[in-house]
Amino acid sequence: MLGVSELITVQVPLETIFKDKQVTLVIDTVTAVDIERKKVTTTQGSFQGDFLVLAVGSQTEYFG
């Protein structure tokens, strides 16, 4: 059976996934990365840490 689901029924907010975790979730544009100092600069400010996950965003387009 084929069908269409509403976006709200299939998405999970990142805030929910990382709730009660030792994770700082920053959704912003990166302007600089200093690998040696383990520092990332965004339009909101600078962040340092032991681990960094850079994830590229996307926007879905539906045709038809």
PDB file of N, CA and C in Angstrom:
ATOM      1  N   MET A   1       0.843  -1.175   0.000  1.00  0.00           N
ATOM      2  CA  MET A   1       0.000   0.000   0.000  1.00  0.00           C
ATOM      3  C   MET A   1       0.886   1.235   0.000  1.00  0.00           C
ATOM      4  N   LEU A   2       0.607   2.140  -0.885  1.00  0.00           N
ATOM      5  CA  LEU A   2       1.351   3.393  -0.956  1.00  0.00           C
ATOM      6  C   LEU A   2       0.527   4.494  -0.336  1.00  0.00           C
ATOM      7  N   GLY A   3       1.200   5.462   0.200  1.00  0.00           N
ATOM      8  CA  GLY A   3       0.477   6.575   0.806  1.00  0.00           C
ATOM      9  C   GLY A   3       1.419   7.715   1.126  1.00  0.00           C
ATOM     10  N   VAL A   4       0.867   8.724   1.715  1.00  0.00           N
ATOM     11  CA  VAL A   4       1.635   9.905   2.093  1.00  0.00           C
ATOM     12  C   VAL A   4       1.441  10.130   3.587  1.00  0.00           C
ATOM     13  N   SER A   5       2.530  10.354   4.292  1.00  0.00           N
ATOM     14  CA  SER A   5       2.463  10.643   5.725  1.00  0.00           C
ATOM     15  C   SER A   5       2.723  12.121   5.947  1.00  0.00           C
ATOM     16  N   GLU A   6       2.067  12.661   6.937  1.00  0.00           N
ATOM     17  CA  GLU A   6       2.336  14.037   7.311  1.00  0.00           C
ATOM     18  C   GLU A   6       3.719  14.095   7.957  1.00  0.00           C
ATOM     19  N   LEU A   7       4.451  15.168   7.697  1.00  0.00           N
ATOM     20  CA  LEU A   7       5.808  15.311   8.218  1.00  0.00           C
ATOM     21  C   LEU A   7       5.846  15.160   9.734  1.00  0.00           C
ATOM     22  N   ILE A   8       4.901  15.723  10.421  1.00  0.00           N
ATOM     23  CA  ILE A   8       4.894  15.694  11.891  1.00  0.00           C
ATOM     24  C   ILE A   8       4.821  14.258  12.427  1.00  0.00           C
ATOM     25  N   THR A   9       4.297  13.313  11.655  1.00  0.00           N
ATOM     26  CA  THR A   9       4.169  11.933  12.124  1.00  0.00           C
ATOM     27  C   THR A   9       5.444  11.116  11.939  1.00  0.00           C
ATOM     28  N   VAL A  10       6.394  11.611  11.150  1.00  0.00           N
ATOM     29  CA  VAL A  10       7.613  10.843  10.880  1.00  0.00           C
ATOM     30  C   VAL A  10       8.883  11.539  11.345  1.00  0.00           C
ATOM     31  N   GLN A  11       8.786  12.749  11.837  1.00  0.00           N
ATOM     32  CA  GLN A  11       9.995  13.448  12.281  1.00  0.00           C
ATOM     33  C   GLN A  11      10.150  13.375  13.790  1.00  0.00           C
ATOM     34  N   VAL A  12      11.393  13.378  14.244  1.00  0.00           N
ATOM     35  CA  VAL A  12      11.700  13.399  15.667  1.00  0.00           C
ATOM     36  C   VAL A  12      12.628  14.594  15.897  1.00  0.00           C
ATOM     37  N   PRO A  13      12.218  15.548  16.723  1.00  0.00           N
ATOM     38  CA  PRO A  13      13.067  16.712  16.967  1.00  0.00           C
ATOM     39  C   PRO A  13      14.399  16.307  17.610  1.00  0.00           C
ATOM     40  N   LEU A  14      15.490  16.920  17.171  1.00  0.00           N
ATOM     41  CA  LEU A  14      16.804  16.620  17.739  1.00  0.00           C
ATOM     42  C   LEU A  14      16.845  16.890  19.232  1.00  0.00           C
ATOM     43  N   GLU A  15      16.116  17.902  19.672  1.00  0.00           N
ATOM     44  CA  GLU A  15      16.071  18.215  21.098  1.00  0.00           C
ATOM     45  C   GLU A  15      15.556  17.034  21.905  1.00  0.00           C
ATOM     46  N   THR A  16      14.608  16.295  21.369  1.00  0.00           N
ATOM     47  CA  THR A  16      14.054  15.116  22.042  1.00  0.00           C
ATOM     48  C   THR A  16      15.084  13.993  22.109  1.00  0.00           C
ATOM     49  N   ILE A  17      15.819  13.795  21.038  1.00  0.00           N
ATOM     50  CA  ILE A  17      16.811  12.726  20.988  1.00  0.00           C
ATOM     51  C   ILE A  17      17.914  12.958  22.024  1.00  0.00           C
ATOM     52  N   PHE A  18      18.353  14.208  22.176  1.00  0.00           N
ATOM     53  CA  PHE A  18      19.483  14.505  23.054  1.00  0.00           C
ATOM     54  C   PHE A  18      19.085  14.987  24.437  1.00  0.00           C
ATOM     55  N   LYS A  19      17.795  14.922  24.772  1.00  0.00           N
ATOM     56  CA  LYS A  19      17.335  15.336  26.088  1.00  0.00           C
ATOM     57  C   LYS A  19      17.987  14.453  27.154  1.00  0.00           C
ATOM     58  N   ASP A  20      18.422  15.070  28.241  1.00  0.00           N
ATOM     59  CA  ASP A  20      19.062  14.366  29.362  1.00  0.00           C
ATOM     60  C   ASP A  20      20.379  13.693  28.982  1.00  0.00           C
ATOM     61  N   LYS A  21      21.022  14.163  27.928  1.00  0.00           N
ATOM     62  CA  LYS A  21      22.331  13.648  27.517  1.00  0.00           C
ATOM     63  C   LYS A  21      23.363  14.745  27.738  1.00  0.00           C
ATOM     64  N   GLN A  22      24.609  14.360  27.809  1.00  0.00           N
ATOM     65  CA  GLN A  22      25.685  15.338  27.943  1.00  0.00           C
ATOM     66  C   GLN A  22      26.118  15.812  26.560  1.00  0.00           C
ATOM     67  N   VAL A  23      25.174  16.444  25.867  1.00  0.00           N
ATOM     68  CA  VAL A  23      25.384  16.905  24.498  1.00  0.00           C
ATOM     69  C   VAL A  23      24.905  18.342  24.396  1.00  0.00           C
ATOM     70  N   THR A  24      25.715  19.171  23.762  1.00  0.00           N
ATOM     71  CA  THR A  24      25.289  20.529  23.451  1.00  0.00           C
ATOM     72  C   THR A  24      24.867  20.546  21.995  1.00  0.00           C
ATOM     73  N   LEU A  25      23.605  20.783  21.761  1.00  0.00           N
ATOM     74  CA  LEU A  25      23.071  20.803  20.401  1.00  0.00           C
ATOM     75  C   LEU A  25      23.073  22.236  19.901  1.00  0.00           C
ATOM     76  N   VAL A  26      23.815  22.483  18.829  1.00  0.00           N
ATOM     77  CA  VAL A  26      23.891  23.811  18.232  1.00  0.00           C
ATOM     78  C   VAL A  26      23.466  23.683  16.776  1.00  0.00           C
ATOM     79  N   ILE A  27      22.430  24.399  16.424  1.00  0.00           N
ATOM     80  CA  ILE A  27      21.979  24.416  15.036  1.00  0.00           C
ATOM     81  C   ILE A  27      22.281  25.812  14.515  1.00  0.00           C
ATOM     82  N   ASP A  28      23.332  25.917  13.705  1.00  0.00           N
ATOM     83  CA  ASP A  28      23.825  27.218  13.270  1.00  0.00           C
ATOM     84  C   ASP A  28      24.711  27.045  12.045  1.00  0.00           C
ATOM     85  N   THR A  29      25.207  28.146  11.535  1.00  0.00           N
ATOM     86  CA  THR A  29      26.124  28.143  10.409  1.00  0.00           C
ATOM     87  C   THR A  29      27.556  28.244  10.931  1.00  0.00           C
ATOM     88  N   VAL A  30      28.399  27.307  10.523  1.00  0.00           N
ATOM     89  CA  VAL A  30      29.799  27.310  10.937  1.00  0.00           C
ATOM     90  C   VAL A  30      30.562  28.307  10.082  1.00  0.00           C
ATOM     91  N   THR A  31      31.349  29.161  10.755  1.00  0.00           N
ATOM     92  CA  THR A  31      32.140  30.153  10.028  1.00  0.00           C
ATOM     93  C   THR A  31      33.632  29.829  10.049  1.00  0.00           C
ATOM     94  N   ALA A  32      34.087  29.008  11.007  1.00  0.00           N
ATOM     95  CA  ALA A  32      35.500  28.612  11.074  1.00  0.00           C
ATOM     96  C   ALA A  32      35.645  27.358  11.918  1.00  0.00           C
ATOM     97  N   VAL A  33      36.666  26.552  11.590  1.00  0.00           N
ATOM     98  CA  VAL A  33      36.997  25.355  12.357  1.00  0.00           C
ATOM     99  C   VAL A  33      38.497  25.366  12.619  1.00  0.00           C
ATOM    100  N   ASP A  34      38.892  25.273  13.896  1.00  0.00           N
ATOM    101  CA  ASP A  34      40.290  25.192  14.292  1.00  0.00           C
ATOM    102  C   ASP A  34      40.517  23.801  14.867  1.00  0.00           C
ATOM    103  N   ILE A  35      41.049  22.913  14.047  1.00  0.00           N
ATOM    104  CA  ILE A  35      41.195  21.514  14.441  1.00  0.00           C
ATOM    105  C   ILE A  35      42.193  21.362  15.590  1.00  0.00           C
ATOM    106  N   GLU A  36      43.304  22.077  15.541  1.00  0.00           N
ATOM    107  CA  GLU A  36      44.328  21.947  16.580  1.00  0.00           C
ATOM    108  C   GLU A  36      43.797  22.360  17.952  1.00  0.00           C
ATOM    109  N   ARG A  37      42.970  23.385  18.014  1.00  0.00           N
ATOM    110  CA  ARG A  37      42.417  23.859  19.288  1.00  0.00           C
ATOM    111  C   ARG A  37      41.065  23.225  19.620  1.00  0.00           C
ATOM    112  N   LYS A  38      40.585  22.350  18.720  1.00  0.00           N
ATOM    113  CA  LYS A  38      39.274  21.696  18.888  1.00  0.00           C
ATOM    114  C   LYS A  38      38.190  22.744  19.118  1.00  0.00           C
ATOM    115  N   LYS A  39      38.161  23.732  18.223  1.00  0.00           N
ATOM    116  CA  LYS A  39      37.264  24.870  18.381  1.00  0.00           C
ATOM    117  C   LYS A  39      36.500  25.120  17.085  1.00  0.00           C
ATOM    118  N   VAL A  40      35.214  25.355  17.232  1.00  0.00           N
ATOM    119  CA  VAL A  40      34.353  25.684  16.099  1.00  0.00           C
ATOM    120  C   VAL A  40      33.731  27.046  16.358  1.00  0.00           C
ATOM    121  N   THR A  41      33.760  27.896  15.358  1.00  0.00           N
ATOM    122  CA  THR A  41      33.143  29.210  15.474  1.00  0.00           C
ATOM    123  C   THR A  41      31.913  29.237  14.577  1.00  0.00           C
ATOM    124  N   THR A  42      30.815  29.716  15.148  1.00  0.00           N
ATOM    125  CA  THR A  42      29.561  29.848  14.402  1.00  0.00           C
ATOM    126  C   THR A  42      29.096  31.291  14.513  1.00  0.00           C
ATOM    127  N   THR A  43      27.970  31.577  13.911  1.00  0.00           N
ATOM    128  CA  THR A  43      27.435  32.929  14.027  1.00  0.00           C
ATOM    129  C   THR A  43      26.924  33.213  15.436  1.00  0.00           C
ATOM    130  N   GLN A  44      26.740  32.160  16.255  1.00  0.00           N
ATOM    131  CA  GLN A  44      26.307  32.332  17.646  1.00  0.00           C
ATOM    132  C   GLN A  44      27.482  32.485  18.610  1.00  0.00           C
ATOM    133  N   GLY A  45      28.677  32.097  18.191  1.00  0.00           N
ATOM    134  CA  GLY A  45      29.836  32.157  19.072  1.00  0.00           C
ATOM    135  C   GLY A  45      30.772  30.999  18.812  1.00  0.00           C
ATOM    136  N   SER A  46      31.712  30.773  19.751  1.00  0.00           N
ATOM    137  CA  SER A  46      32.700  29.704  19.618  1.00  0.00           C
ATOM    138  C   SER A  46      32.403  28.582  20.605  1.00  0.00           C
ATOM    139  N   PHE A  47      32.745  27.357  20.187  1.00  0.00           N
ATOM    140  CA  PHE A  47      32.498  26.170  21.000  1.00  0.00           C
ATOM    141  C   PHE A  47      33.730  25.290  20.962  1.00  0.00           C
ATOM    142  N   GLN A  48      34.085  24.711  22.117  1.00  0.00           N
ATOM    143  CA  GLN A  48      35.201  23.789  22.198  1.00  0.00           C
ATOM    144  C   GLN A  48      34.736  22.497  22.845  1.00  0.00           C
ATOM    145  N   GLY A  49      35.400  21.406  22.490  1.00  0.00           N
ATOM    146  CA  GLY A  49      35.052  20.132  23.091  1.00  0.00           C
ATOM    147  C   GLY A  49      35.962  19.026  22.612  1.00  0.00           C
ATOM    148  N   ASP A  50      35.794  17.851  23.202  1.00  0.00           N
ATOM    149  CA  ASP A  50      36.602  16.694  22.825  1.00  0.00           C
ATOM    150  C   ASP A  50      36.126  16.067  21.525  1.00  0.00           C
ATOM    151  N   PHE A  51      34.813  16.166  21.266  1.00  0.00           N
ATOM    152  CA  PHE A  51      34.239  15.567  20.062  1.00  0.00           C
ATOM    153  C   PHE A  51      33.414  16.610  19.329  1.00  0.00           C
ATOM    154  N   LEU A  52      33.428  16.523  18.034  1.00  0.00           N
ATOM    155  CA  LEU A  52      32.650  17.432  17.208  1.00  0.00           C
ATOM    156  C   LEU A  52      31.980  16.633  16.100  1.00  0.00           C
ATOM    157  N   VAL A  53      30.692  16.824  15.969  1.00  0.00           N
ATOM    158  CA  VAL A  53      29.958  16.195  14.875  1.00  0.00           C
ATOM    159  C   VAL A  53      29.450  17.313  13.987  1.00  0.00           C
ATOM    160  N   LEU A  54      29.946  17.361  12.765  1.00  0.00           N
ATOM    161  CA  LEU A  54      29.455  18.317  11.782  1.00  0.00           C
ATOM    162  C   LEU A  54      28.488  17.577  10.876  1.00  0.00           C
ATOM    163  N   ALA A  55      27.269  18.010  10.860  1.00  0.00           N
ATOM    164  CA  ALA A  55      26.248  17.351  10.043  1.00  0.00           C
ATOM    165  C   ALA A  55      25.691  18.351   9.040  1.00  0.00           C
ATOM    166  N   VAL A  56      25.590  17.919   7.816  1.00  0.00           N
ATOM    167  CA  VAL A  56      25.080  18.795   6.781  1.00  0.00           C
ATOM    168  C   VAL A  56      23.560  18.671   6.734  1.00  0.00           C
ATOM    169  N   GLY A  57      22.897  19.772   6.613  1.00  0.00           N
ATOM    170  CA  GLY A  57      21.439  19.762   6.551  1.00  0.00           C
ATOM    171  C   GLY A  57      20.943  19.619   5.128  1.00  0.00           C
ATOM    172  N   SER A  58      19.690  19.368   5.014  1.00  0.00           N
ATOM    173  CA  SER A  58      19.069  19.279   3.695  1.00  0.00           C
ATOM    174  C   SER A  58      17.605  19.688   3.801  1.00  0.00           C
ATOM    175  N   GLN A  59      17.045  19.963   2.677  1.00  0.00           N
ATOM    176  CA  GLN A  59      15.616  20.304   2.631  1.00  0.00           C
ATOM    177  C   GLN A  59      14.993  19.467   1.514  1.00  0.00           C
ATOM    178  N   THR A  60      13.964  18.738   1.867  1.00  0.00           N
ATOM    179  CA  THR A  60      13.305  17.856   0.918  1.00  0.00           C
ATOM    180  C   THR A  60      12.390  18.642  -0.003  1.00  0.00           C
ATOM    181  N   GLU A  61      12.413  18.269  -1.260  1.00  0.00           N
ATOM    182  CA  GLU A  61      11.517  18.876  -2.250  1.00  0.00           C
ATOM    183  C   GLU A  61      10.634  17.766  -2.811  1.00  0.00           C
ATOM    184  N   TYR A  62       9.365  18.044  -2.883  1.00  0.00           N
ATOM    185  CA  TYR A  62       8.412  17.093  -3.459  1.00  0.00           C
ATOM    186  C   TYR A  62       7.925  17.638  -4.796  1.00  0.00           C
ATOM    187  N   PHE A  63       7.968  16.822  -5.797  1.00  0.00           N
ATOM    188  CA  PHE A  63       7.515  17.233  -7.132  1.00  0.00           C
ATOM    189  C   PHE A  63       6.299  16.411  -7.515  1.00  0.00           C
ATOM    190  N   GLY A  64       5.374  17.061  -8.149  1.00  0.00           N
ATOM    191  CA  GLY A  64       4.230  16.326  -8.676  1.00  0.00           C
ATOM    192  C   GLY A  64       3.043  16.512  -7.862  1.00  0.00           C
TER     193      GLY A  64
END
